[in-house]
Structure formats: structure tokens, C-alpha cells
Amino acid sequence: MMNWKEIWMTLFGTTEWLGLNIGFWVSMAAVALIVIVMNVIFWSIGSRTDTKETVTNRS
């Protein structure tokens, strides 16, 4: 069975960064990725309203 903590320890020698567990940083990265993806989807959909420009003649 693959032990992720053991692999991480072999590669980097620690399971903490800035005093916080790597699991915390992985979850923060996952949340940030979800937020970015949701924003990209939201802003790419655009407005569903009619986008015709109304011209008003003000003299």
C-alpha cells in the first residue's frame, strides 16, 4: 500500500511548512483551485440580458 507521508518524507524530509501540517496546505491549495475555477466559469458565462446599446439623443 502506498504511504503518502513516507513518500513525502523521502522527498522533502519534513511534513510541516511554516509550522503547519502539509495536509493543511494541500487543503488550502484545493480550496484556492476550486475558487479560481468557479470564478473562471462564472465570468466566462457572461450576462444573459440583452446587450443592445440604447442610444439616447441628448441635445
Foldseek 3Di string as FASTA:
>chain_A
DDDPVVVCCVVPVDQDDPRHGVVVVVVVVVVVVVVVVVVVVVVVVDDPDDPDDDDDDDD
